Amino acid sequence: MSGMILAQTANINPGLAAIGYGLGAIGPGIGVGLIFAAVINGTARQPEARGKLQTIGYSTFVLSEVLALIGIVIYFIASTKS
C-alpha cells in the first residue's frame, strides 16, 4: 500500500532529476580520487605492497562507483515518471 502512495507522489521534473544526479555524482568522484591517491601514496612508501594495495584499491573503487550507477538508475526512473 505504501508503495502505491509513493509511486503516485513521485512526480519530479526531468531537469531537477538531472541536477540531483549531478550533485549525487560528486561524492563517488571525490571518493575515487581519494582511493587512488591513497594507493599511489602507499605504493610510494612501500613498493613491495603494490599488488595488495591495487587489489584493495580496485575493490573499493567498484563499491564507490556502484553509488554513481544507482544514482543514474534513479535519475532515469525519476525523469520518466509523468
N, C-alpha and C. Protein backbone atom coordinates (compact mmCIF):
# COMPACT_ATOMS: atom_id res chain seq x y z
N MET A 1 0.82 -1.19 0.00
CA MET A 1 0.00 0.00 0.00
C MET A 1 0.86 1.25 0.00
N SER A 2 1.93 1.27 0.80
CA SER A 2 2.78 2.46 0.85
C SER A 2 3.54 2.65 -0.46
N GLY A 3 3.84 1.56 -1.18
CA GLY A 3 4.50 1.67 -2.48
C GLY A 3 3.62 2.37 -3.50
N MET A 4 2.32 2.13 -3.43
CA MET A 4 1.40 2.79 -4.34
C MET A 4 1.33 4.28 -4.05
N ILE A 5 1.34 4.65 -2.80
CA ILE A 5 1.29 6.06 -2.42
C ILE A 5 2.57 6.75 -2.86
N LEU A 6 3.71 6.10 -2.67
CA LEU A 6 4.99 6.67 -3.08
C LEU A 6 5.05 6.85 -4.59
N ALA A 7 4.57 5.89 -5.34
CA ALA A 7 4.60 5.98 -6.80
C ALA A 7 3.69 7.09 -7.30
N GLN A 8 2.62 7.36 -6.62
CA GLN A 8 1.72 8.41 -7.06
C GLN A 8 2.25 9.79 -6.74
N THR A 9 3.03 9.94 -5.70
CA THR A 9 3.51 11.26 -5.31
C THR A 9 4.87 11.61 -5.90
N ALA A 10 5.56 10.66 -6.51
CA ALA A 10 6.89 10.92 -7.05
C ALA A 10 6.78 11.46 -8.47
N ASN A 11 6.55 12.75 -8.59
CA ASN A 11 6.48 13.41 -9.89
C ASN A 11 7.56 14.48 -9.91
N ILE A 12 8.72 14.14 -10.48
CA ILE A 12 9.89 15.02 -10.46
C ILE A 12 10.15 15.53 -11.87
N ASN A 13 10.44 16.80 -11.97
CA ASN A 13 10.82 17.40 -13.24
C ASN A 13 12.13 16.76 -13.73
N PRO A 14 12.24 16.40 -15.02
CA PRO A 14 13.48 15.78 -15.51
C PRO A 14 14.72 16.66 -15.32
N GLY A 15 14.55 17.98 -15.43
CA GLY A 15 15.68 18.87 -15.20
C GLY A 15 16.14 18.83 -13.76
N LEU A 16 15.19 18.76 -12.85
CA LEU A 16 15.53 18.66 -11.43
C LEU A 16 16.20 17.33 -11.13
N ALA A 17 15.76 16.28 -11.81
CA ALA A 17 16.38 14.96 -11.63
C ALA A 17 17.83 14.98 -12.13
N ALA A 18 18.09 15.70 -13.23
CA ALA A 18 19.46 15.79 -13.75
C ALA A 18 20.36 16.56 -12.80
N ILE A 19 19.85 17.62 -12.20
CA ILE A 19 20.63 18.37 -11.22
C ILE A 19 20.92 17.50 -10.00
N GLY A 20 19.93 16.74 -9.58
CA GLY A 20 20.11 15.84 -8.45
C GLY A 20 21.15 14.77 -8.73
N TYR A 21 21.15 14.23 -9.94
CA TYR A 21 22.16 13.22 -10.27
C TYR A 21 23.54 13.85 -10.34
N GLY A 22 23.63 15.05 -10.88
CA GLY A 22 24.92 15.73 -10.94
C GLY A 22 25.50 15.96 -9.55
N LEU A 23 24.65 16.38 -8.63
CA LEU A 23 25.11 16.57 -7.26
C LEU A 23 25.44 15.23 -6.60
N GLY A 24 24.68 14.19 -6.94
CA GLY A 24 24.93 12.88 -6.38
C GLY A 24 26.20 12.23 -6.91
N ALA A 25 26.66 12.64 -8.09
CA ALA A 25 27.86 12.06 -8.67
C ALA A 25 29.13 12.69 -8.11
N ILE A 26 28.99 13.79 -7.38
CA ILE A 26 30.17 14.44 -6.79
C ILE A 26 30.82 13.52 -5.74
N GLY A 27 30.00 12.88 -4.94
CA GLY A 27 30.52 12.01 -3.87
C GLY A 27 31.38 10.86 -4.39
N PRO A 28 30.86 10.06 -5.34
CA PRO A 28 31.71 8.99 -5.88
C PRO A 28 32.95 9.52 -6.60
N GLY A 29 32.85 10.69 -7.22
CA GLY A 29 34.01 11.26 -7.90
C GLY A 29 35.12 11.61 -6.91
N ILE A 30 34.74 12.22 -5.81
CA ILE A 30 35.72 12.55 -4.77
C ILE A 30 36.26 11.26 -4.15
N GLY A 31 35.38 10.29 -3.95
CA GLY A 31 35.80 9.02 -3.36
C GLY A 31 36.83 8.29 -4.20
N VAL A 32 36.62 8.28 -5.51
CA VAL A 32 37.57 7.60 -6.41
C VAL A 32 38.92 8.31 -6.37
N GLY A 33 38.89 9.63 -6.34
CA GLY A 33 40.14 10.37 -6.25
C GLY A 33 40.90 10.06 -4.97
N LEU A 34 40.19 10.00 -3.86
CA LEU A 34 40.84 9.68 -2.59
C LEU A 34 41.37 8.25 -2.54
N ILE A 35 40.63 7.33 -3.15
CA ILE A 35 41.05 5.93 -3.15
C ILE A 35 42.37 5.78 -3.89
N PHE A 36 42.45 6.32 -5.10
CA PHE A 36 43.67 6.12 -5.88
C PHE A 36 44.81 6.99 -5.39
N ALA A 37 44.52 8.11 -4.73
CA ALA A 37 45.58 8.88 -4.10
C ALA A 37 46.22 8.06 -2.97
N ALA A 38 45.38 7.35 -2.21
CA ALA A 38 45.90 6.52 -1.13
C ALA A 38 46.71 5.34 -1.68
N VAL A 39 46.26 4.77 -2.80
CA VAL A 39 47.01 3.67 -3.41
C VAL A 39 48.38 4.15 -3.89
N ILE A 40 48.42 5.33 -4.52
CA ILE A 40 49.69 5.87 -5.01
C ILE A 40 50.62 6.18 -3.84
N ASN A 41 50.09 6.79 -2.78
CA ASN A 41 50.91 7.10 -1.61
C ASN A 41 51.43 5.83 -0.94
N GLY A 42 50.59 4.83 -0.82
CA GLY A 42 51.01 3.58 -0.21
C GLY A 42 52.06 2.87 -1.03
N THR A 43 51.92 2.91 -2.35
CA THR A 43 52.90 2.28 -3.23
C THR A 43 54.23 3.02 -3.18
N ALA A 44 54.16 4.35 -3.06
CA ALA A 44 55.40 5.13 -2.97
C ALA A 44 56.13 4.84 -1.66
N ARG A 45 55.38 4.58 -0.60
CA ARG A 45 56.02 4.32 0.69
C ARG A 45 56.52 2.88 0.81
N GLN A 46 55.74 1.93 0.27
CA GLN A 46 56.13 0.52 0.33
C GLN A 46 55.89 -0.13 -1.02
N PRO A 47 56.87 -0.10 -1.90
CA PRO A 47 56.68 -0.66 -3.25
C PRO A 47 56.36 -2.15 -3.25
N GLU A 48 56.80 -2.88 -2.25
CA GLU A 48 56.54 -4.33 -2.23
C GLU A 48 55.08 -4.65 -1.93
N ALA A 49 54.30 -3.69 -1.44
CA ALA A 49 52.89 -3.91 -1.14
C ALA A 49 51.99 -3.47 -2.29
N ARG A 50 52.56 -3.26 -3.46
CA ARG A 50 51.81 -2.72 -4.60
C ARG A 50 50.63 -3.61 -5.00
N GLY A 51 50.83 -4.90 -5.09
CA GLY A 51 49.77 -5.82 -5.52
C GLY A 51 48.59 -5.82 -4.57
N LYS A 52 48.87 -5.87 -3.29
CA LYS A 52 47.80 -5.89 -2.30
C LYS A 52 47.05 -4.55 -2.28
N LEU A 53 47.81 -3.45 -2.41
CA LEU A 53 47.17 -2.14 -2.43
C LEU A 53 46.30 -1.95 -3.66
N GLN A 54 46.74 -2.44 -4.81
CA GLN A 54 45.93 -2.31 -6.02
C GLN A 54 44.65 -3.13 -5.92
N THR A 55 44.75 -4.31 -5.34
CA THR A 55 43.56 -5.13 -5.17
C THR A 55 42.53 -4.44 -4.27
N ILE A 56 43.00 -3.91 -3.17
CA ILE A 56 42.11 -3.18 -2.27
C ILE A 56 41.57 -1.93 -2.95
N GLY A 57 42.43 -1.24 -3.70
CA GLY A 57 42.01 -0.03 -4.39
C GLY A 57 40.93 -0.28 -5.42
N TYR A 58 41.10 -1.32 -6.21
CA TYR A 58 40.08 -1.62 -7.23
C TYR A 58 38.77 -2.10 -6.62
N SER A 59 38.84 -2.85 -5.54
CA SER A 59 37.59 -3.31 -4.93
C SER A 59 36.83 -2.15 -4.30
N THR A 60 37.52 -1.21 -3.68
CA THR A 60 36.83 -0.05 -3.12
C THR A 60 36.38 0.91 -4.22
N PHE A 61 37.11 0.94 -5.34
CA PHE A 61 36.68 1.73 -6.50
C PHE A 61 35.33 1.23 -7.01
N VAL A 62 35.19 -0.08 -7.09
CA VAL A 62 33.93 -0.67 -7.56
C VAL A 62 32.79 -0.32 -6.60
N LEU A 63 33.04 -0.40 -5.32
CA LEU A 63 32.00 -0.06 -4.34
C LEU A 63 31.59 1.41 -4.45
N SER A 64 32.55 2.27 -4.70
CA SER A 64 32.25 3.69 -4.84
C SER A 64 31.48 3.97 -6.12
N GLU A 65 31.82 3.30 -7.20
CA GLU A 65 31.15 3.54 -8.47
C GLU A 65 29.73 2.97 -8.49
N VAL A 66 29.45 1.99 -7.65
CA VAL A 66 28.09 1.47 -7.56
C VAL A 66 27.14 2.58 -7.12
N LEU A 67 27.62 3.48 -6.28
CA LEU A 67 26.78 4.61 -5.86
C LEU A 67 26.41 5.49 -7.05
N ALA A 68 27.35 5.73 -7.94
CA ALA A 68 27.06 6.53 -9.13
C ALA A 68 26.10 5.80 -10.06
N LEU A 69 26.25 4.49 -10.19
CA LEU A 69 25.33 3.73 -11.04
C LEU A 69 23.92 3.71 -10.47
N ILE A 70 23.81 3.58 -9.16
CA ILE A 70 22.49 3.64 -8.53
C ILE A 70 21.88 5.01 -8.76
N GLY A 71 22.69 6.05 -8.68
CA GLY A 71 22.20 7.41 -8.92
C GLY A 71 21.68 7.60 -10.32
N ILE A 72 22.35 7.05 -11.33
CA ILE A 72 21.88 7.23 -12.70
C ILE A 72 20.63 6.40 -12.96
N VAL A 73 20.49 5.27 -12.31
CA VAL A 73 19.26 4.49 -12.44
C VAL A 73 18.09 5.27 -11.83
N ILE A 74 18.31 5.85 -10.67
CA ILE A 74 17.26 6.65 -10.04
C ILE A 74 16.94 7.87 -10.88
N TYR A 75 17.94 8.46 -11.54
CA TYR A 75 17.70 9.60 -12.44
C TYR A 75 16.76 9.19 -13.57
N PHE A 76 17.03 8.05 -14.18
CA PHE A 76 16.16 7.61 -15.29
C PHE A 76 14.76 7.27 -14.82
N ILE A 77 14.65 6.69 -13.65
CA ILE A 77 13.33 6.39 -13.10
C ILE A 77 12.57 7.68 -12.82
N ALA A 78 13.25 8.65 -12.24
CA ALA A 78 12.60 9.90 -11.87
C ALA A 78 12.26 10.74 -13.10
N SER A 79 13.08 10.69 -14.13
CA SER A 79 12.84 11.53 -15.30
C SER A 79 11.77 10.95 -16.22
N THR A 80 11.49 9.66 -16.14
CA THR A 80 10.45 9.07 -16.98
C THR A 80 9.09 9.10 -16.34
N LYS A 81 9.01 9.38 -15.05
CA LYS A 81 7.70 9.49 -14.41
C LYS A 81 6.99 10.73 -14.92
N SER A 82 5.71 10.60 -15.19
CA SER A 82 4.97 11.79 -15.63
C SER A 82 3.65 11.93 -14.91
